[in-house]
Amino acid sequence: MTLLKDYVHNYGGMTDASAKGMVDSFLKIEKDRINLMQSYRPKFQKALPEVKVARYYQIENKIRAVVNYELASEIPLAE
């Protein structure tokens, strides 16, 4: 959420350096999210059948899509 606030705050006067920093931060967040999902997969597989593990990740993906949709309304687009 901080990254989104930084983007909105700096949108009108964004420099190359601040844009690079935000992209770097975004990519790190995404990498950390993927690593977290991968770290939980073996734990889920021990406790649940593979079909339920797949459904869990499908539901997680849908929830993330809804959250991203809501956040998108806060993000200004380039003109």
PDB file of N, CA and C in Angstrom:
ATOM      1  N   MET A   1       0.821  -1.182   0.000  1.00  0.00           N
ATOM      2  CA  MET A   1       0.000   0.000   0.000  1.00  0.00           C
ATOM      3  C   MET A   1       0.873   1.257   0.000  1.00  0.00           C
ATOM      4  N   THR A   2       1.998   1.211   0.675  1.00  0.00           N
ATOM      5  CA  THR A   2       2.905   2.352   0.694  1.00  0.00           C
ATOM      6  C   THR A   2       3.403   2.661  -0.709  1.00  0.00           C
ATOM      7  N   LEU A   3       3.700   1.631  -1.475  1.00  0.00           N
ATOM      8  CA  LEU A   3       4.166   1.834  -2.843  1.00  0.00           C
ATOM      9  C   LEU A   3       3.099   2.543  -3.676  1.00  0.00           C
ATOM     10  N   LEU A   4       1.869   2.147  -3.522  1.00  0.00           N
ATOM     11  CA  LEU A   4       0.782   2.792  -4.246  1.00  0.00           C
ATOM     12  C   LEU A   4       0.653   4.265  -3.851  1.00  0.00           C
ATOM     13  N   LYS A   5       0.742   4.549  -2.551  1.00  0.00           N
ATOM     14  CA  LYS A   5       0.665   5.933  -2.079  1.00  0.00           C
ATOM     15  C   LYS A   5       1.826   6.756  -2.621  1.00  0.00           C
ATOM     16  N   ASP A   6       3.015   6.166  -2.642  1.00  0.00           N
ATOM     17  CA  ASP A   6       4.176   6.866  -3.200  1.00  0.00           C
ATOM     18  C   ASP A   6       3.964   7.188  -4.675  1.00  0.00           C
ATOM     19  N   TYR A   7       3.426   6.230  -5.407  1.00  0.00           N
ATOM     20  CA  TYR A   7       3.187   6.430  -6.836  1.00  0.00           C
ATOM     21  C   TYR A   7       2.198   7.573  -7.061  1.00  0.00           C
ATOM     22  N   VAL A   8       1.077   7.527  -6.333  1.00  0.00           N
ATOM     23  CA  VAL A   8       0.057   8.574  -6.487  1.00  0.00           C
ATOM     24  C   VAL A   8       0.628   9.934  -6.092  1.00  0.00           C
ATOM     25  N   HIS A   9       1.373   9.973  -5.002  1.00  0.00           N
ATOM     26  CA  HIS A   9       1.944  11.233  -4.516  1.00  0.00           C
ATOM     27  C   HIS A   9       2.949  11.816  -5.507  1.00  0.00           C
ATOM     28  N   ASN A  10       3.747  10.981  -6.130  1.00  0.00           N
ATOM     29  CA  ASN A  10       4.803  11.439  -7.039  1.00  0.00           C
ATOM     30  C   ASN A  10       4.392  11.454  -8.501  1.00  0.00           C
ATOM     31  N   TYR A  11       3.160  11.113  -8.786  1.00  0.00           N
ATOM     32  CA  TYR A  11       2.723  10.932 -10.170  1.00  0.00           C
ATOM     33  C   TYR A  11       3.026  12.132 -11.066  1.00  0.00           C
ATOM     34  N   GLY A  12       2.685  13.324 -10.622  1.00  0.00           N
ATOM     35  CA  GLY A  12       2.865  14.504 -11.453  1.00  0.00           C
ATOM     36  C   GLY A  12       4.309  14.911 -11.669  1.00  0.00           C
ATOM     37  N   GLY A  13       5.176  14.614 -10.720  1.00  0.00           N
ATOM     38  CA  GLY A  13       6.563  15.042 -10.833  1.00  0.00           C
ATOM     39  C   GLY A  13       7.543  13.898 -10.680  1.00  0.00           C
ATOM     40  N   MET A  14       7.176  12.748 -11.211  1.00  0.00           N
ATOM     41  CA  MET A  14       8.022  11.576 -11.056  1.00  0.00           C
ATOM     42  C   MET A  14       9.319  11.724 -11.850  1.00  0.00           C
ATOM     43  N   THR A  15      10.415  11.400 -11.209  1.00  0.00           N
ATOM     44  CA  THR A  15      11.717  11.418 -11.876  1.00  0.00           C
ATOM     45  C   THR A  15      12.060   9.998 -12.317  1.00  0.00           C
ATOM     46  N   ASP A  16      13.071   9.883 -13.154  1.00  0.00           N
ATOM     47  CA  ASP A  16      13.529   8.555 -13.558  1.00  0.00           C
ATOM     48  C   ASP A  16      13.982   7.746 -12.344  1.00  0.00           C
ATOM     49  N   ALA A  17      14.657   8.422 -11.411  1.00  0.00           N
ATOM     50  CA  ALA A  17      15.160   7.719 -10.222  1.00  0.00           C
ATOM     51  C   ALA A  17      14.024   7.202  -9.345  1.00  0.00           C
ATOM     52  N   SER A  18      12.993   8.041  -9.135  1.00  0.00           N
ATOM     53  CA  SER A  18      11.887   7.579  -8.303  1.00  0.00           C
ATOM     54  C   SER A  18      11.083   6.491  -9.016  1.00  0.00           C
ATOM     55  N   ALA A  19      10.935   6.604 -10.331  1.00  0.00           N
ATOM     56  CA  ALA A  19      10.240   5.567 -11.100  1.00  0.00           C
ATOM     57  C   ALA A  19      10.991   4.246 -11.014  1.00  0.00           C
ATOM     58  N   LYS A  20      12.314   4.300 -11.156  1.00  0.00           N
ATOM     59  CA  LYS A  20      13.121   3.084 -11.056  1.00  0.00           C
ATOM     60  C   LYS A  20      12.972   2.455  -9.680  1.00  0.00           C
ATOM     61  N   GLY A  21      13.004   3.289  -8.641  1.00  0.00           N
ATOM     62  CA  GLY A  21      12.856   2.775  -7.284  1.00  0.00           C
ATOM     63  C   GLY A  21      11.513   2.104  -7.066  1.00  0.00           C
ATOM     64  N   MET A  22      10.465   2.689  -7.620  1.00  0.00           N
ATOM     65  CA  MET A  22       9.135   2.097  -7.471  1.00  0.00           C
ATOM     66  C   MET A  22       9.014   0.781  -8.233  1.00  0.00           C
ATOM     67  N   VAL A  23       9.564   0.731  -9.433  1.00  0.00           N
ATOM     68  CA  VAL A  23       9.536  -0.525 -10.195  1.00  0.00           C
ATOM     69  C   VAL A  23      10.340  -1.597  -9.460  1.00  0.00           C
ATOM     70  N   ASP A  24      11.510  -1.228  -8.950  1.00  0.00           N
ATOM     71  CA  ASP A  24      12.320  -2.184  -8.184  1.00  0.00           C
ATOM     72  C   ASP A  24      11.550  -2.697  -6.972  1.00  0.00           C
ATOM     73  N   SER A  25      10.874  -1.794  -6.264  1.00  0.00           N
ATOM     74  CA  SER A  25      10.083  -2.186  -5.096  1.00  0.00           C
ATOM     75  C   SER A  25       8.939  -3.110  -5.490  1.00  0.00           C
ATOM     76  N   PHE A  26       8.256  -2.767  -6.574  1.00  0.00           N
ATOM     77  CA  PHE A  26       7.146  -3.591  -7.052  1.00  0.00           C
ATOM     78  C   PHE A  26       7.620  -5.002  -7.384  1.00  0.00           C
ATOM     79  N   LEU A  27       8.722  -5.094  -8.112  1.00  0.00           N
ATOM     80  CA  LEU A  27       9.232  -6.412  -8.496  1.00  0.00           C
ATOM     81  C   LEU A  27       9.668  -7.226  -7.281  1.00  0.00           C
ATOM     82  N   LYS A  28      10.244  -6.574  -6.271  1.00  0.00           N
ATOM     83  CA  LYS A  28      10.624  -7.279  -5.049  1.00  0.00           C
ATOM     84  C   LYS A  28       9.393  -7.798  -4.314  1.00  0.00           C
ATOM     85  N   ILE A  29       8.360  -6.974  -4.241  1.00  0.00           N
ATOM     86  CA  ILE A  29       7.113  -7.401  -3.594  1.00  0.00           C
ATOM     87  C   ILE A  29       6.532  -8.624  -4.310  1.00  0.00           C
ATOM     88  N   GLU A  30       6.512  -8.576  -5.634  1.00  0.00           N
ATOM     89  CA  GLU A  30       5.980  -9.700  -6.408  1.00  0.00           C
ATOM     90  C   GLU A  30       6.833 -10.958  -6.218  1.00  0.00           C
ATOM     91  N   LYS A  31       8.146 -10.790  -6.216  1.00  0.00           N
ATOM     92  CA  LYS A  31       9.040 -11.932  -6.008  1.00  0.00           C
ATOM     93  C   LYS A  31       8.817 -12.535  -4.620  1.00  0.00           C
ATOM     94  N   ASP A  32       8.703 -11.682  -3.608  1.00  0.00           N
ATOM     95  CA  ASP A  32       8.454 -12.164  -2.244  1.00  0.00           C
ATOM     96  C   ASP A  32       7.114 -12.882  -2.147  1.00  0.00           C
ATOM     97  N   ARG A  33       6.104 -12.374  -2.857  1.00  0.00           N
ATOM     98  CA  ARG A  33       4.782 -13.012  -2.847  1.00  0.00           C
ATOM     99  C   ARG A  33       4.854 -14.407  -3.461  1.00  0.00           C
ATOM    100  N   ILE A  34       5.542 -14.522  -4.583  1.00  0.00           N
ATOM    101  CA  ILE A  34       5.701 -15.832  -5.240  1.00  0.00           C
ATOM    102  C   ILE A  34       6.477 -16.784  -4.338  1.00  0.00           C
ATOM    103  N   ASN A  35       7.554 -16.293  -3.728  1.00  0.00           N
ATOM    104  CA  ASN A  35       8.342 -17.138  -2.822  1.00  0.00           C
ATOM    105  C   ASN A  35       7.503 -17.629  -1.651  1.00  0.00           C
ATOM    106  N   LEU A  36       6.654 -16.762  -1.118  1.00  0.00           N
ATOM    107  CA  LEU A  36       5.779 -17.159  -0.018  1.00  0.00           C
ATOM    108  C   LEU A  36       4.796 -18.231  -0.467  1.00  0.00           C
ATOM    109  N   MET A  37       4.197 -18.031  -1.635  1.00  0.00           N
ATOM    110  CA  MET A  37       3.258 -19.037  -2.151  1.00  0.00           C
ATOM    111  C   MET A  37       3.958 -20.374  -2.375  1.00  0.00           C
ATOM    112  N   GLN A  38       5.170 -20.327  -2.883  1.00  0.00           N
ATOM    113  CA  GLN A  38       5.923 -21.564  -3.113  1.00  0.00           C
ATOM    114  C   GLN A  38       6.297 -22.240  -1.800  1.00  0.00           C
ATOM    115  N   SER A  39       6.590 -21.444  -0.780  1.00  0.00           N
ATOM    116  CA  SER A  39       6.985 -22.035   0.500  1.00  0.00           C
ATOM    117  C   SER A  39       5.819 -22.749   1.191  1.00  0.00           C
ATOM    118  N   TYR A  40       4.594 -22.304   0.934  1.00  0.00           N
ATOM    119  CA  TYR A  40       3.430 -22.940   1.549  1.00  0.00           C
ATOM    120  C   TYR A  40       2.944 -24.168   0.792  1.00  0.00           C
ATOM    121  N   ARG A  41       3.294 -24.288  -0.470  1.00  0.00           N
ATOM    122  CA  ARG A  41       2.796 -25.406  -1.272  1.00  0.00           C
ATOM    123  C   ARG A  41       3.103 -26.768  -0.658  1.00  0.00           C
ATOM    124  N   PRO A  42       4.347 -27.074  -0.235  1.00  0.00           N
ATOM    125  CA  PRO A  42       4.599 -28.388   0.358  1.00  0.00           C
ATOM    126  C   PRO A  42       3.780 -28.625   1.633  1.00  0.00           C
ATOM    127  N   LYS A  43       3.556 -27.580   2.414  1.00  0.00           N
ATOM    128  CA  LYS A  43       2.754 -27.715   3.633  1.00  0.00           C
ATOM    129  C   LYS A  43       1.308 -28.049   3.278  1.00  0.00           C
ATOM    130  N   PHE A  44       0.779 -27.373   2.267  1.00  0.00           N
ATOM    131  CA  PHE A  44      -0.578 -27.664   1.827  1.00  0.00           C
ATOM    132  C   PHE A  44      -0.678 -29.086   1.278  1.00  0.00           C
ATOM    133  N   GLN A  45       0.343 -29.496   0.520  1.00  0.00           N
ATOM    134  CA  GLN A  45       0.321 -30.823  -0.092  1.00  0.00           C
ATOM    135  C   GLN A  45       0.355 -31.933   0.953  1.00  0.00           C
ATOM    136  N   LYS A  46       0.961 -31.669   2.086  1.00  0.00           N
ATOM    137  CA  LYS A  46       0.978 -32.674   3.163  1.00  0.00           C
ATOM    138  C   LYS A  46      -0.392 -32.825   3.805  1.00  0.00           C
ATOM    139  N   ALA A  47      -1.154 -31.740   3.839  1.00  0.00           N
ATOM    140  CA  ALA A  47      -2.427 -31.738   4.556  1.00  0.00           C
ATOM    141  C   ALA A  47      -3.645 -31.917   3.653  1.00  0.00           C
ATOM    142  N   LEU A  48      -3.496 -31.615   2.366  1.00  0.00           N
ATOM    143  CA  LEU A  48      -4.653 -31.602   1.475  1.00  0.00           C
ATOM    144  C   LEU A  48      -4.380 -32.387   0.200  1.00  0.00           C
ATOM    145  N   PRO A  49      -5.446 -32.910  -0.417  1.00  0.00           N
ATOM    146  CA  PRO A  49      -5.271 -33.520  -1.739  1.00  0.00           C
ATOM    147  C   PRO A  49      -4.857 -32.451  -2.750  1.00  0.00           C
ATOM    148  N   GLU A  50      -4.187 -32.856  -3.798  1.00  0.00           N
ATOM    149  CA  GLU A  50      -3.657 -31.916  -4.798  1.00  0.00           C
ATOM    150  C   GLU A  50      -4.754 -31.061  -5.430  1.00  0.00           C
ATOM    151  N   VAL A  51      -5.939 -31.636  -5.620  1.00  0.00           N
ATOM    152  CA  VAL A  51      -7.039 -30.872  -6.208  1.00  0.00           C
ATOM    153  C   VAL A  51      -7.421 -29.707  -5.296  1.00  0.00           C
ATOM    154  N   LYS A  52      -7.434 -29.926  -3.991  1.00  0.00           N
ATOM    155  CA  LYS A  52      -7.781 -28.842  -3.057  1.00  0.00           C
ATOM    156  C   LYS A  52      -6.669 -27.803  -2.982  1.00  0.00           C
ATOM    157  N   VAL A  53      -5.434 -28.226  -3.134  1.00  0.00           N
ATOM    158  CA  VAL A  53      -4.321 -27.276  -3.182  1.00  0.00           C
ATOM    159  C   VAL A  53      -4.494 -26.366  -4.403  1.00  0.00           C
ATOM    160  N   ALA A  54      -4.823 -26.978  -5.531  1.00  0.00           N
ATOM    161  CA  ALA A  54      -5.034 -26.190  -6.749  1.00  0.00           C
ATOM    162  C   ALA A  54      -6.206 -25.231  -6.574  1.00  0.00           C
ATOM    163  N   ARG A  55      -7.278 -25.691  -5.950  1.00  0.00           N
ATOM    164  CA  ARG A  55      -8.435 -24.817  -5.713  1.00  0.00           C
ATOM    165  C   ARG A  55      -8.069 -23.668  -4.779  1.00  0.00           C
ATOM    166  N   TYR A  56      -7.267 -23.965  -3.767  1.00  0.00           N
ATOM    167  CA  TYR A  56      -6.833 -22.908  -2.852  1.00  0.00           C
ATOM    168  C   TYR A  56      -6.110 -21.804  -3.630  1.00  0.00           C
ATOM    169  N   TYR A  57      -5.166 -22.203  -4.482  1.00  0.00           N
ATOM    170  CA  TYR A  57      -4.418 -21.207  -5.247  1.00  0.00           C
ATOM    171  C   TYR A  57      -5.321 -20.470  -6.241  1.00  0.00           C
ATOM    172  N   GLN A  58      -6.326 -21.158  -6.766  1.00  0.00           N
ATOM    173  CA  GLN A  58      -7.275 -20.502  -7.657  1.00  0.00           C
ATOM    174  C   GLN A  58      -8.064 -19.438  -6.890  1.00  0.00           C
ATOM    175  N   ILE A  59      -8.528 -19.782  -5.694  1.00  0.00           N
ATOM    176  CA  ILE A  59      -9.272 -18.820  -4.872  1.00  0.00           C
ATOM    177  C   ILE A  59      -8.369 -17.659  -4.479  1.00  0.00           C
ATOM    178  N   GLU A  60      -7.151 -17.958  -4.089  1.00  0.00           N
ATOM    179  CA  GLU A  60      -6.183 -16.910  -3.740  1.00  0.00           C
ATOM    180  C   GLU A  60      -5.988 -15.954  -4.919  1.00  0.00           C
ATOM    181  N   ASN A  61      -5.889 -16.501  -6.115  1.00  0.00           N
ATOM    182  CA  ASN A  61      -5.715 -15.687  -7.317  1.00  0.00           C
ATOM    183  C   ASN A  61      -6.931 -14.801  -7.569  1.00  0.00           C
ATOM    184  N   LYS A  62      -8.123 -15.339  -7.368  1.00  0.00           N
ATOM    185  CA  LYS A  62      -9.339 -14.546  -7.571  1.00  0.00           C
ATOM    186  C   LYS A  62      -9.431 -13.421  -6.543  1.00  0.00           C
ATOM    187  N   ILE A  63      -9.093 -13.706  -5.301  1.00  0.00           N
ATOM    188  CA  ILE A  63      -9.099 -12.669  -4.271  1.00  0.00           C
ATOM    189  C   ILE A  63      -8.109 -11.576  -4.628  1.00  0.00           C
ATOM    190  N   ARG A  64      -6.938 -11.968  -5.076  1.00  0.00           N
ATOM    191  CA  ARG A  64      -5.923 -10.993  -5.480  1.00  0.00           C
ATOM    192  C   ARG A  64      -6.417 -10.138  -6.643  1.00  0.00           C
ATOM    193  N   ALA A  65      -7.150 -10.745  -7.586  1.00  0.00           N
ATOM    194  CA  ALA A  65      -7.695  -9.996  -8.719  1.00  0.00           C
ATOM    195  C   ALA A  65      -8.696  -8.948  -8.239  1.00  0.00           C
ATOM    196  N   VAL A  66      -9.534  -9.295  -7.275  1.00  0.00           N
ATOM    197  CA  VAL A  66     -10.514  -8.340  -6.742  1.00  0.00           C
ATOM    198  C   VAL A  66      -9.795  -7.192  -6.038  1.00  0.00           C
ATOM    199  N   VAL A  67      -8.798  -7.516  -5.232  1.00  0.00           N
ATOM    200  CA  VAL A  67      -8.030  -6.483  -4.537  1.00  0.00           C
ATOM    201  C   VAL A  67      -7.332  -5.577  -5.546  1.00  0.00           C
ATOM    202  N   ASN A  68      -6.709  -6.167  -6.549  1.00  0.00           N
ATOM    203  CA  ASN A  68      -6.026  -5.373  -7.582  1.00  0.00           C
ATOM    204  C   ASN A  68      -7.012  -4.478  -8.336  1.00  0.00           C
ATOM    205  N   TYR A  69      -8.213  -4.982  -8.582  1.00  0.00           N
ATOM    206  CA  TYR A  69      -9.231  -4.176  -9.244  1.00  0.00           C
ATOM    207  C   TYR A  69      -9.572  -2.953  -8.394  1.00  0.00           C
ATOM    208  N   GLU A  70      -9.747  -3.160  -7.105  1.00  0.00           N
ATOM    209  CA  GLU A  70     -10.056  -2.059  -6.198  1.00  0.00           C
ATOM    210  C   GLU A  70      -8.901  -1.052  -6.142  1.00  0.00           C
ATOM    211  N   LEU A  71      -7.683  -1.556  -6.064  1.00  0.00           N
ATOM    212  CA  LEU A  71      -6.526  -0.669  -6.012  1.00  0.00           C
ATOM    213  C   LEU A  71      -6.353   0.118  -7.311  1.00  0.00           C
ATOM    214  N   ALA A  72      -6.734  -0.499  -8.424  1.00  0.00           N
ATOM    215  CA  ALA A  72      -6.559   0.162  -9.725  1.00  0.00           C
ATOM    216  C   ALA A  72      -7.333   1.472  -9.811  1.00  0.00           C
ATOM    217  N   SER A  73      -8.426   1.568  -9.083  1.00  0.00           N
ATOM    218  CA  SER A  73      -9.196   2.812  -9.121  1.00  0.00           C
ATOM    219  C   SER A  73      -8.439   3.975  -8.480  1.00  0.00           C
ATOM    220  N   GLU A  74      -7.423   3.665  -7.701  1.00  0.00           N
ATOM    221  CA  GLU A  74      -6.622   4.694  -7.019  1.00  0.00           C
ATOM    222  C   GLU A  74      -5.408   5.148  -7.849  1.00  0.00           C
ATOM    223  N   ILE A  75      -5.118   4.419  -8.915  1.00  0.00           N
ATOM    224  CA  ILE A  75      -3.891   4.670  -9.668  1.00  0.00           C
ATOM    225  C   ILE A  75      -4.181   5.559 -10.871  1.00  0.00           C
ATOM    226  N   PRO A  76      -3.552   6.732 -10.932  1.00  0.00           N
ATOM    227  CA  PRO A  76      -3.723   7.579 -12.119  1.00  0.00           C
ATOM    228  C   PRO A  76      -3.005   6.953 -13.322  1.00  0.00           C
ATOM    229  N   LEU A  77      -3.555   7.178 -14.494  1.00  0.00           N
ATOM    230  CA  LEU A  77      -2.943   6.659 -15.718  1.00  0.00           C
ATOM    231  C   LEU A  77      -2.207   7.773 -16.438  1.00  0.00           C
ATOM    232  N   ALA A  78      -1.151   7.383 -17.123  1.00  0.00           N
ATOM    233  CA  ALA A  78      -0.379   8.366 -17.900  1.00  0.00           C
ATOM    234  C   ALA A  78      -1.245   8.949 -18.996  1.00  0.00           C
ATOM    235  N   GLU A  79      -1.011  10.202 -19.272  1.00  0.00           N
ATOM    236  CA  GLU A  79      -1.801  10.891 -20.305  1.00  0.00           C
ATOM    237  C   GLU A  79      -1.100  10.863 -21.624  1.00  0.00           C
TER     238      GLU A  79
END
